[in-house]
């Protein structure tokens, strides 16, 4: 069986666009949901959060954060902010670990 990728779909029920090479966009923040974060400053009274949902709106990706100790504390933020090390640190860190990491970077 010969498959042609020149525009026509080899399967009548599958759109030809699926078979075009290089047309899929790389998803931004692919491992966002389920990731754990520590806020450098208390946020809504807490520091430890987990991403429970994501939302794509145009070029923007938003993460729904939930406090690990209080599931009623929830908010959405631009996922790009999670890359800002002055605001967030990946994983759940203790204050001691955060202070050690800060001293290492000085």
C-alpha atoms as a PDB file:
ATOM      1  CA  UNK A   1       0.000   0.000   0.000  1.00  0.00           C
ATOM      2  CA  UNK A   2       1.430   3.326  -1.071  1.00  0.00           C
ATOM      3  CA  UNK A   3       0.624   6.424   1.019  1.00  0.00           C
ATOM      4  CA  UNK A   4       0.842   9.783  -0.664  1.00  0.00           C
ATOM      5  CA  UNK A   5       1.548  12.825   1.496  1.00  0.00           C
ATOM      6  CA  UNK A   6       1.080  15.285  -1.330  1.00  0.00           C
ATOM      7  CA  UNK A   7      -2.201  16.733  -0.096  1.00  0.00           C
ATOM      8  CA  UNK A   8      -4.750  13.968  -0.559  1.00  0.00           C
ATOM      9  CA  UNK A   9      -5.618  11.884   2.477  1.00  0.00           C
ATOM     10  CA  UNK A  10      -4.867   8.169   2.164  1.00  0.00           C
ATOM     11  CA  UNK A  11      -7.892   7.538   4.399  1.00  0.00           C
ATOM     12  CA  UNK A  12     -11.199   8.930   3.147  1.00  0.00           C
ATOM     13  CA  UNK A  13     -12.451   9.699   6.681  1.00  0.00           C
ATOM     14  CA  UNK A  14      -9.258  11.420   7.888  1.00  0.00           C
ATOM     15  CA  UNK A  15      -8.556  15.027   6.819  1.00  0.00           C
ATOM     16  CA  UNK A  16      -5.498  15.460   4.611  1.00  0.00           C
ATOM     17  CA  UNK A  17      -4.130  18.120   6.992  1.00  0.00           C
ATOM     18  CA  UNK A  18      -3.339  15.403   9.548  1.00  0.00           C
ATOM     19  CA  UNK A  19      -0.936  13.757   7.113  1.00  0.00           C
ATOM     20  CA  UNK A  20       0.992  16.908   6.202  1.00  0.00           C
ATOM     21  CA  UNK A  21       4.445  16.803   7.715  1.00  0.00           C
ATOM     22  CA  UNK A  22       5.662  19.607   9.934  1.00  0.00           C
ATOM     23  CA  UNK A  23       2.256  21.190  10.374  1.00  0.00           C
ATOM     24  CA  UNK A  24       1.793  20.345  14.056  1.00  0.00           C
ATOM     25  CA  UNK A  25       2.696  23.082  16.517  1.00  0.00           C
ATOM     26  CA  UNK A  26       4.743  22.212  19.558  1.00  0.00           C
ATOM     27  CA  UNK A  27       2.594  22.615  22.656  1.00  0.00           C
ATOM     28  CA  UNK A  28       3.795  25.283  25.089  1.00  0.00           C
ATOM     29  CA  UNK A  29       4.261  23.995  28.643  1.00  0.00           C
ATOM     30  CA  UNK A  30       3.487  20.326  27.829  1.00  0.00           C
ATOM     31  CA  UNK A  31       3.970  19.092  31.418  1.00  0.00           C
ATOM     32  CA  UNK A  32       2.073  21.904  33.110  1.00  0.00           C
ATOM     33  CA  UNK A  33      -0.878  19.981  34.579  1.00  0.00           C
ATOM     34  CA  UNK A  34       0.184  18.126  37.703  1.00  0.00           C
ATOM     35  CA  UNK A  35       3.342  20.182  38.204  1.00  0.00           C
ATOM     36  CA  UNK A  36       4.129  21.483  41.696  1.00  0.00           C
ATOM     37  CA  UNK A  37       5.388  24.977  42.524  1.00  0.00           C
ATOM     38  CA  UNK A  38       6.586  27.009  45.470  1.00  0.00           C
ATOM     39  CA  UNK A  39       5.821  30.731  45.557  1.00  0.00           C
ATOM     40  CA  UNK A  40       8.736  32.893  46.724  1.00  0.00           C
ATOM     41  CA  UNK A  41       6.217  35.058  48.621  1.00  0.00           C
ATOM     42  CA  UNK A  42       3.043  33.896  50.324  1.00  0.00           C
ATOM     43  CA  UNK A  43       0.231  33.911  47.792  1.00  0.00           C
ATOM     44  CA  UNK A  44      -3.316  33.865  49.136  1.00  0.00           C
ATOM     45  CA  UNK A  45      -1.741  32.815  52.435  1.00  0.00           C
ATOM     46  CA  UNK A  46       0.177  29.820  51.050  1.00  0.00           C
ATOM     47  CA  UNK A  47       3.426  28.958  49.288  1.00  0.00           C
ATOM     48  CA  UNK A  48       2.867  25.454  47.853  1.00  0.00           C
ATOM     49  CA  UNK A  49       0.670  24.989  44.806  1.00  0.00           C
ATOM     50  CA  UNK A  50      -0.141  22.437  42.141  1.00  0.00           C
ATOM     51  CA  UNK A  51      -1.374  23.061  38.606  1.00  0.00           C
ATOM     52  CA  UNK A  52      -4.724  21.314  38.153  1.00  0.00           C
ATOM     53  CA  UNK A  53      -5.823  22.724  34.818  1.00  0.00           C
ATOM     54  CA  UNK A  54      -4.561  24.636  31.803  1.00  0.00           C
ATOM     55  CA  UNK A  55      -6.257  26.942  29.358  1.00  0.00           C
ATOM     56  CA  UNK A  56      -4.988  28.109  25.975  1.00  0.00           C
ATOM     57  CA  UNK A  57      -6.249  31.512  24.833  1.00  0.00           C
ATOM     58  CA  UNK A  58      -4.624  32.548  21.598  1.00  0.00           C
ATOM     59  CA  UNK A  59      -0.882  32.839  22.188  1.00  0.00           C
ATOM     60  CA  UNK A  60      -1.329  32.721  25.982  1.00  0.00           C
ATOM     61  CA  UNK A  61      -1.297  29.682  28.253  1.00  0.00           C
ATOM     62  CA  UNK A  62      -2.898  29.932  31.682  1.00  0.00           C
ATOM     63  CA  UNK A  63      -2.449  27.600  34.648  1.00  0.00           C
ATOM     64  CA  UNK A  64      -5.045  27.013  37.348  1.00  0.00           C
ATOM     65  CA  UNK A  65      -3.177  26.859  40.638  1.00  0.00           C
ATOM     66  CA  UNK A  66      -4.532  25.192  43.792  1.00  0.00           C
ATOM     67  CA  UNK A  67      -2.939  25.532  47.220  1.00  0.00           C
ATOM     68  CA  UNK A  68      -1.710  22.125  48.375  1.00  0.00           C
ATOM     69  CA  UNK A  69      -2.979  22.677  51.942  1.00  0.00           C
ATOM     70  CA  UNK A  70      -6.298  24.324  51.037  1.00  0.00           C
ATOM     71  CA  UNK A  71      -8.139  23.163  47.903  1.00  0.00           C
ATOM     72  CA  UNK A  72     -10.501  26.147  48.210  1.00  0.00           C
ATOM     73  CA  UNK A  73      -7.630  28.509  47.313  1.00  0.00           C
ATOM     74  CA  UNK A  74      -7.574  28.534  43.501  1.00  0.00           C
ATOM     75  CA  UNK A  75      -6.501  31.089  40.933  1.00  0.00           C
ATOM     76  CA  UNK A  76      -5.421  31.355  37.303  1.00  0.00           C
ATOM     77  CA  UNK A  77      -2.108  32.832  36.220  1.00  0.00           C
ATOM     78  CA  UNK A  78      -0.197  33.252  33.006  1.00  0.00           C
ATOM     79  CA  UNK A  79       2.003  30.125  32.864  1.00  0.00           C
ATOM     80  CA  UNK A  80       4.901  32.267  31.642  1.00  0.00           C
ATOM     81  CA  UNK A  81       5.140  33.684  35.182  1.00  0.00           C
ATOM     82  CA  UNK A  82       6.183  30.241  36.439  1.00  0.00           C
ATOM     83  CA  UNK A  83       9.477  30.709  34.563  1.00  0.00           C
ATOM     84  CA  UNK A  84      10.272  33.796  36.643  1.00  0.00           C
ATOM     85  CA  UNK A  85      12.585  32.468  39.392  1.00  0.00           C
ATOM     86  CA  UNK A  86      12.035  35.605  41.479  1.00  0.00           C
ATOM     87  CA  UNK A  87       8.361  34.588  41.796  1.00  0.00           C
ATOM     88  CA  UNK A  88       8.200  30.783  41.572  1.00  0.00           C
ATOM     89  CA  UNK A  89      10.416  27.760  42.108  1.00  0.00           C
ATOM     90  CA  UNK A  90       9.675  24.351  40.579  1.00  0.00           C
ATOM     91  CA  UNK A  91       8.690  21.664  43.068  1.00  0.00           C
ATOM     92  CA  UNK A  92       7.690  22.023  46.689  1.00  0.00           C
ATOM     93  CA  UNK A  93      10.555  23.613  48.569  1.00  0.00           C
ATOM     94  CA  UNK A  94      10.903  24.291  52.294  1.00  0.00           C
ATOM     95  CA  UNK A  95      11.914  27.785  53.422  1.00  0.00           C
ATOM     96  CA  UNK A  96      15.314  26.343  54.332  1.00  0.00           C
ATOM     97  CA  UNK A  97      15.788  24.885  50.842  1.00  0.00           C
ATOM     98  CA  UNK A  98      14.693  28.158  49.242  1.00  0.00           C
ATOM     99  CA  UNK A  99      17.207  30.096  51.357  1.00  0.00           C
ATOM    100  CA  UNK A 100      19.988  27.625  50.475  1.00  0.00           C
ATOM    101  CA  UNK A 101      19.186  27.945  46.752  1.00  0.00           C
ATOM    102  CA  UNK A 102      19.193  31.728  47.024  1.00  0.00           C
ATOM    103  CA  UNK A 103      22.609  31.711  48.727  1.00  0.00           C
ATOM    104  CA  UNK A 104      23.990  29.419  46.003  1.00  0.00           C
ATOM    105  CA  UNK A 105      23.062  31.913  43.294  1.00  0.00           C
ATOM    106  CA  UNK A 106      24.671  34.903  45.011  1.00  0.00           C
END
